Amino acid sequence: VQNKLREEWLDLMADDIVIEDPIGISPLDPKGKGHQGKEAVAKFWDRNIGPNSIHIETKTSYTGGGEVAHILQLTTTFPAGHKAQVEGIFTYAVNDAGKIVAIRGYWEMSETRLMGA
């Protein structure tokens, strides 16, 4: 994500990937059902990741089985130079082939800090 490597990022995903970032209804997911499948995830990239610059700071991580939970701080810089920053818990689950099947972001839009250019 930070290096803007779309195809490499998509290659990490299983065909049945589901991304909920953030979990629930939001402007990024109006139905609150997540972005399901590689085609939907590619569109999520094109709308929300690709046009922006995203810096990810890992505060701490915990693993268990085929899953990991990270406490992350994300700083997104939009094309006009404005920034948004949020901290949350982000979980990733992989299948037996090592492909990501679920990414879930535990954070609220209301907790996003907006910063000027």
C-alpha atoms as a PDB file:
ATOM      1  CA  VAL A   1       0.000   0.000   0.000  1.00  0.00           C
ATOM      2  CA  GLN A   2       2.715   2.478   0.975  1.00  0.00           C
ATOM      3  CA  ASN A   3       4.667   1.672  -2.184  1.00  0.00           C
ATOM      4  CA  LYS A   4       1.516   1.865  -4.355  1.00  0.00           C
ATOM      5  CA  LEU A   5       2.058  -1.645  -5.782  1.00  0.00           C
ATOM      6  CA  ARG A   6      -1.535  -2.447  -6.750  1.00  0.00           C
ATOM      7  CA  GLU A   7      -1.007  -5.741  -8.585  1.00  0.00           C
ATOM      8  CA  GLU A   8       1.404  -7.087  -5.983  1.00  0.00           C
ATOM      9  CA  TRP A   9      -1.094  -6.186  -3.252  1.00  0.00           C
ATOM     10  CA  LEU A  10      -3.942  -7.894  -5.111  1.00  0.00           C
ATOM     11  CA  ASP A  11      -1.766 -10.999  -5.608  1.00  0.00           C
ATOM     12  CA  LEU A  12      -1.657 -11.404  -1.813  1.00  0.00           C
ATOM     13  CA  MET A  13      -5.445 -11.917  -1.774  1.00  0.00           C
ATOM     14  CA  ALA A  14      -7.468 -15.113  -2.083  1.00  0.00           C
ATOM     15  CA  ASP A  15     -10.244 -15.077  -4.674  1.00  0.00           C
ATOM     16  CA  ASP A  16     -12.845 -14.959  -1.859  1.00  0.00           C
ATOM     17  CA  ILE A  17     -11.185 -12.054  -0.009  1.00  0.00           C
ATOM     18  CA  VAL A  18     -13.411  -9.779   2.091  1.00  0.00           C
ATOM     19  CA  ILE A  19     -12.199  -6.359   3.198  1.00  0.00           C
ATOM     20  CA  GLU A  20     -14.137  -4.462   5.868  1.00  0.00           C
ATOM     21  CA  ASP A  21     -12.242  -1.205   6.381  1.00  0.00           C
ATOM     22  CA  PRO A  22     -13.816   0.150   8.486  1.00  0.00           C
ATOM     23  CA  ILE A  23     -16.222  -2.538   9.684  1.00  0.00           C
ATOM     24  CA  GLY A  24     -19.860  -1.542   9.167  1.00  0.00           C
ATOM     25  CA  ILE A  25     -21.598   1.162   7.181  1.00  0.00           C
ATOM     26  CA  SER A  26     -19.377   4.059   6.147  1.00  0.00           C
ATOM     27  CA  PRO A  27     -18.742   6.295   3.136  1.00  0.00           C
ATOM     28  CA  LEU A  28     -16.178   3.655   2.073  1.00  0.00           C
ATOM     29  CA  ASP A  29     -18.789   0.859   2.312  1.00  0.00           C
ATOM     30  CA  PRO A  30     -22.350   2.277   2.171  1.00  0.00           C
ATOM     31  CA  LYS A  31     -23.994  -1.166   2.613  1.00  0.00           C
ATOM     32  CA  GLY A  32     -21.661  -2.224   5.428  1.00  0.00           C
ATOM     33  CA  LYS A  33     -21.101  -5.698   3.969  1.00  0.00           C
ATOM     34  CA  GLY A  34     -17.443  -5.350   3.038  1.00  0.00           C
ATOM     35  CA  HIS A  35     -15.726  -5.501  -0.327  1.00  0.00           C
ATOM     36  CA  GLN A  36     -16.132  -9.123  -1.392  1.00  0.00           C
ATOM     37  CA  GLY A  37     -13.942 -10.812  -4.007  1.00  0.00           C
ATOM     38  CA  LYS A  38     -10.892  -9.644  -5.925  1.00  0.00           C
ATOM     39  CA  GLU A  39     -12.867  -7.481  -8.373  1.00  0.00           C
ATOM     40  CA  ALA A  40     -14.487  -5.524  -5.536  1.00  0.00           C
ATOM     41  CA  VAL A  41     -11.159  -5.263  -3.721  1.00  0.00           C
ATOM     42  CA  ALA A  42      -9.510  -3.918  -6.894  1.00  0.00           C
ATOM     43  CA  LYS A  43     -12.225  -1.245  -7.076  1.00  0.00           C
ATOM     44  CA  PHE A  44     -11.631  -0.456  -3.383  1.00  0.00           C
ATOM     45  CA  TRP A  45      -7.958   0.131  -4.250  1.00  0.00           C
ATOM     46  CA  ASP A  46      -8.818   2.292  -7.247  1.00  0.00           C
ATOM     47  CA  ARG A  47     -11.202   4.514  -5.237  1.00  0.00           C
ATOM     48  CA  ASN A  48      -9.533   4.691  -1.831  1.00  0.00           C
ATOM     49  CA  ILE A  49      -5.878   3.709  -1.992  1.00  0.00           C
ATOM     50  CA  GLY A  50      -4.546   4.443  -5.468  1.00  0.00           C
ATOM     51  CA  PRO A  51      -5.340   8.175  -5.686  1.00  0.00           C
ATOM     52  CA  ASN A  52      -3.882   8.845  -2.232  1.00  0.00           C
ATOM     53  CA  SER A  53      -0.615   8.444  -0.366  1.00  0.00           C
ATOM     54  CA  ILE A  54      -0.971   6.301   2.750  1.00  0.00           C
ATOM     55  CA  HIS A  55       1.617   6.077   5.510  1.00  0.00           C
ATOM     56  CA  ILE A  56       1.172   3.142   7.884  1.00  0.00           C
ATOM     57  CA  GLU A  57       2.766   3.111  11.321  1.00  0.00           C
ATOM     58  CA  THR A  58       2.588  -0.175  13.213  1.00  0.00           C
ATOM     59  CA  LYS A  59       2.221   0.421  16.950  1.00  0.00           C
ATOM     60  CA  THR A  60       2.151  -3.289  17.908  1.00  0.00           C
ATOM     61  CA  SER A  61       1.109  -6.661  16.493  1.00  0.00           C
ATOM     62  CA  TYR A  62      -0.285  -9.921  17.862  1.00  0.00           C
ATOM     63  CA  THR A  63      -0.431 -13.248  16.040  1.00  0.00           C
ATOM     64  CA  GLY A  64      -2.481 -16.375  16.535  1.00  0.00           C
ATOM     65  CA  GLY A  65      -2.824 -19.256  14.110  1.00  0.00           C
ATOM     66  CA  GLY A  66      -3.380 -17.898  10.625  1.00  0.00           C
ATOM     67  CA  GLU A  67      -4.316 -14.441  11.844  1.00  0.00           C
ATOM     68  CA  VAL A  68      -2.628 -11.257  12.959  1.00  0.00           C
ATOM     69  CA  ALA A  69      -3.965  -8.128  14.653  1.00  0.00           C
ATOM     70  CA  HIS A  70      -2.096  -4.861  14.305  1.00  0.00           C
ATOM     71  CA  ILE A  71      -2.642  -1.596  16.111  1.00  0.00           C
ATOM     72  CA  LEU A  72      -1.931   0.837  13.281  1.00  0.00           C
ATOM     73  CA  GLN A  73      -1.940   4.560  12.720  1.00  0.00           C
ATOM     74  CA  LEU A  74      -2.861   5.426   9.132  1.00  0.00           C
ATOM     75  CA  THR A  75      -2.127   8.842   7.669  1.00  0.00           C
ATOM     76  CA  THR A  76      -3.735   9.428   4.296  1.00  0.00           C
ATOM     77  CA  THR A  77      -2.640  12.345   2.132  1.00  0.00           C
ATOM     78  CA  PHE A  78      -5.188  13.267  -0.526  1.00  0.00           C
ATOM     79  CA  PRO A  79      -4.275  14.685  -3.963  1.00  0.00           C
ATOM     80  CA  ALA A  80      -5.038  18.285  -2.849  1.00  0.00           C
ATOM     81  CA  GLY A  81      -2.611  17.891   0.074  1.00  0.00           C
ATOM     82  CA  HIS A  82      -5.129  17.520   2.922  1.00  0.00           C
ATOM     83  CA  LYS A  83      -4.536  14.690   5.374  1.00  0.00           C
ATOM     84  CA  ALA A  84      -6.613  12.370   7.515  1.00  0.00           C
ATOM     85  CA  GLN A  85      -5.246  10.287  10.368  1.00  0.00           C
ATOM     86  CA  VAL A  86      -6.835   7.428  12.274  1.00  0.00           C
ATOM     87  CA  GLU A  87      -5.665   4.745  14.682  1.00  0.00           C
ATOM     88  CA  GLY A  88      -7.335   1.366  14.880  1.00  0.00           C
ATOM     89  CA  ILE A  89      -7.009  -2.373  15.110  1.00  0.00           C
ATOM     90  CA  PHE A  90      -6.604  -4.122  11.775  1.00  0.00           C
ATOM     91  CA  THR A  91      -6.875  -7.900  11.511  1.00  0.00           C
ATOM     92  CA  TYR A  92      -5.703 -10.123   8.674  1.00  0.00           C
ATOM     93  CA  ALA A  93      -6.563 -13.814   8.178  1.00  0.00           C
ATOM     94  CA  VAL A  94      -4.926 -16.161   5.688  1.00  0.00           C
ATOM     95  CA  ASN A  95      -5.980 -19.495   4.213  1.00  0.00           C
ATOM     96  CA  ASP A  96      -3.871 -22.664   4.045  1.00  0.00           C
ATOM     97  CA  ALA A  97      -2.229 -21.370   0.833  1.00  0.00           C
ATOM     98  CA  GLY A  98      -1.073 -18.221   2.660  1.00  0.00           C
ATOM     99  CA  LYS A  99      -3.472 -15.934   0.765  1.00  0.00           C
ATOM    100  CA  ILE A 100      -5.366 -13.241   2.654  1.00  0.00           C
ATOM    101  CA  VAL A 101      -9.066 -14.091   3.056  1.00  0.00           C
ATOM    102  CA  ALA A 102     -10.100 -11.269   5.402  1.00  0.00           C
ATOM    103  CA  ILE A 103      -8.952  -7.787   6.332  1.00  0.00           C
ATOM    104  CA  ARG A 104     -11.004  -6.026   9.013  1.00  0.00           C
ATOM    105  CA  GLY A 105     -10.467  -2.499  10.279  1.00  0.00           C
ATOM    106  CA  TYR A 106     -11.769  -1.633  13.737  1.00  0.00           C
ATOM    107  CA  TRP A 107     -12.018   2.145  13.642  1.00  0.00           C
ATOM    108  CA  GLU A 108     -14.708   4.823  13.319  1.00  0.00           C
ATOM    109  CA  MET A 109     -14.921   7.642  10.777  1.00  0.00           C
ATOM    110  CA  SER A 110     -15.807   9.974  13.649  1.00  0.00           C
ATOM    111  CA  GLU A 111     -12.377   9.260  15.162  1.00  0.00           C
ATOM    112  CA  THR A 112     -10.539  10.437  12.048  1.00  0.00           C
ATOM    113  CA  ARG A 113      -8.437  13.542  12.596  1.00  0.00           C
ATOM    114  CA  LEU A 114      -8.435  15.904   9.601  1.00  0.00           C
ATOM    115  CA  MET A 115      -5.413  18.082   8.928  1.00  0.00           C
ATOM    116  CA  GLY A 116      -4.878  20.899   6.424  1.00  0.00           C
ATOM    117  CA  ALA A 117      -2.468  20.832   3.522  1.00  0.00           C
END
